[in-house]
Amino acid sequence: MARRAVARRYAQAVFEIALESNELDRWQADLEKILQAIGEPEVRGFLESSRVPLEAKQKLLAGQLKGCHPLALNFVYLLISRELLGMMEDIIGEYRRLLDSHRGIQAVEVTTVVPLSEDEKERLARQLGSLVGKKVVLENNVDRGVVGGFKARIGDRLLDGSIAGRLEALRRELAGMKR
């Protein structure tokens, strides 16, 4: 949980800089470019080595990330100096979440026993969208343990509309009546 909180703080800072300069899409593209560059195993090893001076790491990245916003480069240099480069993917995920929220989009992870058809996805997205007051983008996962119905994760909330969930709630309710 602490890792997610740290990623969220860095993403929030980057998002505020991007919002203030009205460069949300450029920052997203630059962050993706940085992630791609540091994703190469040889580059990652070089950047995470404590034996390599920071200046050499900066020189390598400056060459690979030509065209990136200077503040985006400074951001990655900061992560390197604080030995937090491994959090870049988490930070970008949080940045995307902030960007979507800013644009009125909510990602929802829906788990069902069978894959949903496109019509079912659209109908469920509309229903969940009216519930959260945003445009919903669904990701459908399949889990045979759901039995029937669905489970929807909306941010930190879980809506359990599965048959197993309803049976469990009924079991707890009946157990509470015995007292």
C-alpha atoms as a PDB file:
ATOM      1  CA  MET A   1       0.000   0.000   0.000  1.00  0.00           C
ATOM      2  CA  ALA A   2       2.869   2.386   0.740  1.00  0.00           C
ATOM      3  CA  ARG A   3       4.203   1.826  -2.783  1.00  0.00           C
ATOM      4  CA  ARG A   4       0.855   2.833  -4.277  1.00  0.00           C
ATOM      5  CA  ALA A   5       0.695   5.934  -2.073  1.00  0.00           C
ATOM      6  CA  VAL A   6       4.170   7.020  -3.203  1.00  0.00           C
ATOM      7  CA  ALA A   7       3.269   6.416  -6.864  1.00  0.00           C
ATOM      8  CA  ARG A   8       0.063   8.385  -6.376  1.00  0.00           C
ATOM      9  CA  ARG A   9       1.953  11.370  -4.894  1.00  0.00           C
ATOM     10  CA  TYR A  10       4.446  11.496  -7.767  1.00  0.00           C
ATOM     11  CA  ALA A  11       1.690  11.053 -10.361  1.00  0.00           C
ATOM     12  CA  GLN A  12      -0.345  13.827  -8.731  1.00  0.00           C
ATOM     13  CA  ALA A  13       2.626  16.198  -8.885  1.00  0.00           C
ATOM     14  CA  VAL A  14       3.273  15.382 -12.554  1.00  0.00           C
ATOM     15  CA  PHE A  15      -0.421  15.699 -13.360  1.00  0.00           C
ATOM     16  CA  GLU A  16      -0.626  19.144 -11.752  1.00  0.00           C
ATOM     17  CA  ILE A  17       2.391  20.332 -13.761  1.00  0.00           C
ATOM     18  CA  ALA A  18       0.850  18.969 -16.968  1.00  0.00           C
ATOM     19  CA  LEU A  19      -2.546  20.486 -16.177  1.00  0.00           C
ATOM     20  CA  GLU A  20      -1.067  23.868 -15.311  1.00  0.00           C
ATOM     21  CA  SER A  21       0.809  24.001 -18.613  1.00  0.00           C
ATOM     22  CA  ASN A  22      -2.139  22.485 -20.542  1.00  0.00           C
ATOM     23  CA  GLU A  23       0.086  19.650 -21.813  1.00  0.00           C
ATOM     24  CA  LEU A  24      -1.716  16.576 -20.469  1.00  0.00           C
ATOM     25  CA  ASP A  25      -1.338  14.512 -23.639  1.00  0.00           C
ATOM     26  CA  ARG A  26       2.276  15.493 -24.173  1.00  0.00           C
ATOM     27  CA  TRP A  27       3.160  14.439 -20.630  1.00  0.00           C
ATOM     28  CA  GLN A  28       1.402  11.126 -21.111  1.00  0.00           C
ATOM     29  CA  ALA A  29       3.329  10.508 -24.344  1.00  0.00           C
ATOM     30  CA  ASP A  30       6.622  11.511 -22.690  1.00  0.00           C
ATOM     31  CA  LEU A  31       5.999   9.247 -19.700  1.00  0.00           C
ATOM     32  CA  GLU A  32       5.244   6.341 -22.053  1.00  0.00           C
ATOM     33  CA  LYS A  33       8.431   7.082 -23.985  1.00  0.00           C
ATOM     34  CA  ILE A  34      10.426   7.095 -20.752  1.00  0.00           C
ATOM     35  CA  LEU A  35       8.883   3.801 -19.675  1.00  0.00           C
ATOM     36  CA  GLN A  36       9.767   2.234 -23.005  1.00  0.00           C
ATOM     37  CA  ALA A  37      13.366   3.489 -22.790  1.00  0.00           C
ATOM     38  CA  ILE A  38      13.946   2.244 -19.247  1.00  0.00           C
ATOM     39  CA  GLY A  39      12.180  -1.032 -20.000  1.00  0.00           C
ATOM     40  CA  GLU A  40      15.139  -2.385 -21.945  1.00  0.00           C
ATOM     41  CA  PRO A  41      17.052  -4.721 -19.583  1.00  0.00           C
ATOM     42  CA  GLU A  42      20.517  -3.350 -20.424  1.00  0.00           C
ATOM     43  CA  VAL A  43      19.391   0.254 -19.955  1.00  0.00           C
ATOM     44  CA  ARG A  44      17.543  -0.600 -16.735  1.00  0.00           C
ATOM     45  CA  GLY A  45      20.610  -2.336 -15.292  1.00  0.00           C
ATOM     46  CA  PHE A  46      22.789   0.636 -16.168  1.00  0.00           C
ATOM     47  CA  LEU A  47      20.363   3.144 -14.632  1.00  0.00           C
ATOM     48  CA  GLU A  48      19.889   1.141 -11.429  1.00  0.00           C
ATOM     49  CA  SER A  49      23.593   0.481 -10.885  1.00  0.00           C
ATOM     50  CA  SER A  50      25.033   2.287  -7.883  1.00  0.00           C
ATOM     51  CA  ARG A  51      28.474   2.184  -9.542  1.00  0.00           C
ATOM     52  CA  VAL A  52      27.416   4.424 -12.430  1.00  0.00           C
ATOM     53  CA  PRO A  53      27.513   8.173 -11.713  1.00  0.00           C
ATOM     54  CA  LEU A  54      24.255  10.107 -12.069  1.00  0.00           C
ATOM     55  CA  GLU A  55      25.765  12.273 -14.806  1.00  0.00           C
ATOM     56  CA  ALA A  56      26.397   9.203 -16.999  1.00  0.00           C
ATOM     57  CA  LYS A  57      22.812   8.046 -16.456  1.00  0.00           C
ATOM     58  CA  GLN A  58      21.498  11.492 -17.358  1.00  0.00           C
ATOM     59  CA  LYS A  59      23.619  11.578 -20.508  1.00  0.00           C
ATOM     60  CA  LEU A  60      22.308   8.186 -21.645  1.00  0.00           C
ATOM     61  CA  LEU A  61      18.682   9.161 -21.067  1.00  0.00           C
ATOM     62  CA  ALA A  62      19.066  12.589 -22.661  1.00  0.00           C
ATOM     63  CA  GLY A  63      20.273  10.844 -25.809  1.00  0.00           C
ATOM     64  CA  GLN A  64      17.458   8.301 -25.829  1.00  0.00           C
ATOM     65  CA  LEU A  65      14.704  10.736 -24.906  1.00  0.00           C
ATOM     66  CA  LYS A  66      15.298  13.550 -27.371  1.00  0.00           C
ATOM     67  CA  GLY A  67      12.153  15.636 -27.761  1.00  0.00           C
ATOM     68  CA  CYS A  68      10.816  14.892 -24.286  1.00  0.00           C
ATOM     69  CA  HIS A  69       9.726  17.804 -22.140  1.00  0.00           C
ATOM     70  CA  PRO A  70      12.713  19.030 -20.054  1.00  0.00           C
ATOM     71  CA  LEU A  71      10.643  18.674 -16.880  1.00  0.00           C
ATOM     72  CA  ALA A  72       9.836  15.058 -17.808  1.00  0.00           C
ATOM     73  CA  LEU A  73      13.569  14.394 -18.077  1.00  0.00           C
ATOM     74  CA  ASN A  74      14.130  16.081 -14.711  1.00  0.00           C
ATOM     75  CA  PHE A  75      11.392  13.899 -13.282  1.00  0.00           C
ATOM     76  CA  VAL A  76      13.057  10.676 -14.399  1.00  0.00           C
ATOM     77  CA  TYR A  77      16.422  11.966 -13.118  1.00  0.00           C
ATOM     78  CA  LEU A  78      14.770  12.570  -9.747  1.00  0.00           C
ATOM     79  CA  LEU A  79      13.425   9.008  -9.681  1.00  0.00           C
ATOM     80  CA  ILE A  80      16.874   7.667 -10.514  1.00  0.00           C
ATOM     81  CA  SER A  81      18.561   9.740  -7.806  1.00  0.00           C
ATOM     82  CA  ARG A  82      16.018   8.514  -5.230  1.00  0.00           C
ATOM     83  CA  GLU A  83      16.288   4.910  -6.465  1.00  0.00           C
ATOM     84  CA  LEU A  84      12.609   4.856  -7.384  1.00  0.00           C
ATOM     85  CA  LEU A  85      12.919   4.047 -11.083  1.00  0.00           C
ATOM     86  CA  GLY A  86      11.115   0.740 -10.496  1.00  0.00           C
ATOM     87  CA  MET A  87       7.970   2.718  -9.669  1.00  0.00           C
ATOM     88  CA  MET A  88       7.697   4.317 -13.091  1.00  0.00           C
ATOM     89  CA  GLU A  89       5.016   1.897 -14.305  1.00  0.00           C
ATOM     90  CA  ASP A  90       2.925   2.486 -11.156  1.00  0.00           C
ATOM     91  CA  ILE A  91       3.323   6.245 -11.521  1.00  0.00           C
ATOM     92  CA  ILE A  92       2.183   6.132 -15.149  1.00  0.00           C
ATOM     93  CA  GLY A  93      -0.817   4.003 -14.161  1.00  0.00           C
ATOM     94  CA  GLU A  94      -1.803   6.576 -11.558  1.00  0.00           C
ATOM     95  CA  TYR A  95      -1.234   9.399 -14.050  1.00  0.00           C
ATOM     96  CA  ARG A  96      -3.587   7.669 -16.529  1.00  0.00           C
ATOM     97  CA  ARG A  97      -6.187   7.275 -13.790  1.00  0.00           C
ATOM     98  CA  LEU A  98      -5.949  10.993 -12.947  1.00  0.00           C
ATOM     99  CA  LEU A  99      -6.157  11.921 -16.623  1.00  0.00           C
ATOM    100  CA  ASP A 100      -9.224   9.731 -17.141  1.00  0.00           C
ATOM    101  CA  SER A 101     -10.881  11.175 -14.053  1.00  0.00           C
ATOM    102  CA  HIS A 102     -10.149  14.692 -15.286  1.00  0.00           C
ATOM    103  CA  ARG A 103     -11.834  13.784 -18.586  1.00  0.00           C
ATOM    104  CA  GLY A 104     -14.849  12.200 -16.871  1.00  0.00           C
ATOM    105  CA  ILE A 105     -13.877   8.602 -17.623  1.00  0.00           C
ATOM    106  CA  GLN A 106     -13.988   5.768 -15.075  1.00  0.00           C
ATOM    107  CA  ALA A 107     -12.279   2.435 -15.693  1.00  0.00           C
ATOM    108  CA  VAL A 108     -14.287  -0.486 -14.318  1.00  0.00           C
ATOM    109  CA  GLU A 109     -13.083  -4.053 -14.026  1.00  0.00           C
ATOM    110  CA  VAL A 110     -16.013  -6.442 -14.422  1.00  0.00           C
ATOM    111  CA  THR A 111     -15.603 -10.133 -13.605  1.00  0.00           C
ATOM    112  CA  THR A 112     -18.111 -12.609 -15.018  1.00  0.00           C
ATOM    113  CA  VAL A 113     -18.326 -16.378 -15.445  1.00  0.00           C
ATOM    114  CA  VAL A 114     -18.342 -16.056 -19.265  1.00  0.00           C
ATOM    115  CA  PRO A 115     -17.078 -13.276 -21.538  1.00  0.00           C
ATOM    116  CA  LEU A 116     -19.590 -10.491 -22.131  1.00  0.00           C
ATOM    117  CA  SER A 117     -20.794  -9.708 -25.659  1.00  0.00           C
ATOM    118  CA  GLU A 118     -20.258  -6.199 -26.992  1.00  0.00           C
ATOM    119  CA  ASP A 119     -23.957  -5.417 -26.453  1.00  0.00           C
ATOM    120  CA  GLU A 120     -23.768  -6.614 -22.842  1.00  0.00           C
ATOM    121  CA  LYS A 121     -20.619  -4.554 -22.252  1.00  0.00           C
ATOM    122  CA  GLU A 122     -22.262  -1.424 -23.650  1.00  0.00           C
ATOM    123  CA  ARG A 123     -25.452  -1.934 -21.618  1.00  0.00           C
ATOM    124  CA  LEU A 124     -23.521  -2.610 -18.401  1.00  0.00           C
ATOM    125  CA  ALA A 125     -21.215   0.358 -19.068  1.00  0.00           C
ATOM    126  CA  ARG A 126     -24.256   2.642 -19.415  1.00  0.00           C
ATOM    127  CA  GLN A 127     -25.805   1.313 -16.185  1.00  0.00           C
ATOM    128  CA  LEU A 128     -22.569   1.633 -14.219  1.00  0.00           C
ATOM    129  CA  GLY A 129     -21.933   5.031 -15.812  1.00  0.00           C
ATOM    130  CA  SER A 130     -25.234   6.339 -14.498  1.00  0.00           C
ATOM    131  CA  LEU A 131     -24.283   4.977 -11.079  1.00  0.00           C
ATOM    132  CA  VAL A 132     -20.888   6.738 -10.931  1.00  0.00           C
ATOM    133  CA  GLY A 133     -21.806   9.775 -13.040  1.00  0.00           C
ATOM    134  CA  LYS A 134     -18.991   9.257 -15.544  1.00  0.00           C
ATOM    135  CA  LYS A 135     -18.366   7.560 -18.851  1.00  0.00           C
ATOM    136  CA  VAL A 136     -17.389   3.980 -18.028  1.00  0.00           C
ATOM    137  CA  VAL A 137     -14.757   1.960 -19.865  1.00  0.00           C
ATOM    138  CA  LEU A 138     -15.156  -1.754 -19.085  1.00  0.00           C
ATOM    139  CA  GLU A 139     -12.483  -4.386 -18.805  1.00  0.00           C
ATOM    140  CA  ASN A 140     -14.084  -7.833 -18.740  1.00  0.00           C
ATOM    141  CA  ASN A 141     -12.321 -10.634 -16.841  1.00  0.00           C
ATOM    142  CA  VAL A 142     -13.566 -14.209 -16.700  1.00  0.00           C
ATOM    143  CA  ASP A 143     -13.601 -16.222 -13.470  1.00  0.00           C
ATOM    144  CA  ARG A 144     -15.452 -19.535 -13.233  1.00  0.00           C
ATOM    145  CA  GLY A 145     -15.817 -18.970  -9.472  1.00  0.00           C
ATOM    146  CA  VAL A 146     -18.304 -16.137  -9.985  1.00  0.00           C
ATOM    147  CA  VAL A 147     -21.062 -18.724 -10.759  1.00  0.00           C
ATOM    148  CA  GLY A 148     -23.498 -16.116 -12.157  1.00  0.00           C
ATOM    149  CA  GLY A 149     -24.004 -12.376 -12.191  1.00  0.00           C
ATOM    150  CA  PHE A 150     -20.923 -10.162 -11.998  1.00  0.00           C
ATOM    151  CA  LYS A 151     -18.466  -8.379  -9.746  1.00  0.00           C
ATOM    152  CA  ALA A 152     -17.462  -4.826 -10.642  1.00  0.00           C
ATOM    153  CA  ARG A 153     -14.431  -3.021  -9.227  1.00  0.00           C
ATOM    154  CA  ILE A 154     -14.867   0.736  -9.514  1.00  0.00           C
ATOM    155  CA  GLY A 155     -11.774   2.374  -8.109  1.00  0.00           C
ATOM    156  CA  ASP A 156     -11.537   1.138  -4.527  1.00  0.00           C
ATOM    157  CA  ARG A 157     -15.170  -0.044  -4.388  1.00  0.00           C
ATOM    158  CA  LEU A 158     -16.403  -3.543  -5.168  1.00  0.00           C
ATOM    159  CA  LEU A 159     -19.971  -4.134  -6.308  1.00  0.00           C
ATOM    160  CA  ASP A 160     -20.754  -7.810  -5.863  1.00  0.00           C
ATOM    161  CA  GLY A 161     -23.754  -8.741  -7.972  1.00  0.00           C
ATOM    162  CA  SER A 162     -22.699 -12.361  -8.247  1.00  0.00           C
ATOM    163  CA  ILE A 163     -24.918 -15.215  -7.156  1.00  0.00           C
ATOM    164  CA  ALA A 164     -22.166 -16.421  -4.806  1.00  0.00           C
ATOM    165  CA  GLY A 165     -22.025 -12.939  -3.245  1.00  0.00           C
ATOM    166  CA  ARG A 166     -25.777 -12.802  -2.811  1.00  0.00           C
ATOM    167  CA  LEU A 167     -25.814 -16.265  -1.232  1.00  0.00           C
ATOM    168  CA  GLU A 168     -23.041 -15.238   1.168  1.00  0.00           C
ATOM    169  CA  ALA A 169     -24.965 -12.090   2.154  1.00  0.00           C
ATOM    170  CA  LEU A 170     -28.092 -14.191   2.711  1.00  0.00           C
ATOM    171  CA  ARG A 171     -26.081 -16.669   4.816  1.00  0.00           C
ATOM    172  CA  ARG A 172     -24.756 -13.833   7.012  1.00  0.00           C
ATOM    173  CA  GLU A 173     -28.233 -12.359   7.348  1.00  0.00           C
ATOM    174  CA  LEU A 174     -29.700 -15.702   8.393  1.00  0.00           C
ATOM    175  CA  ALA A 175     -26.838 -16.345  10.812  1.00  0.00           C
ATOM    176  CA  GLY A 176     -27.543 -12.948  12.406  1.00  0.00           C
ATOM    177  CA  MET A 177     -31.216 -13.850  12.926  1.00  0.00           C
ATOM    178  CA  LYS A 178     -30.373 -16.884  15.079  1.00  0.00           C
ATOM    179  CA  ARG A 179     -29.266 -14.692  17.975  1.00  0.00           C
END
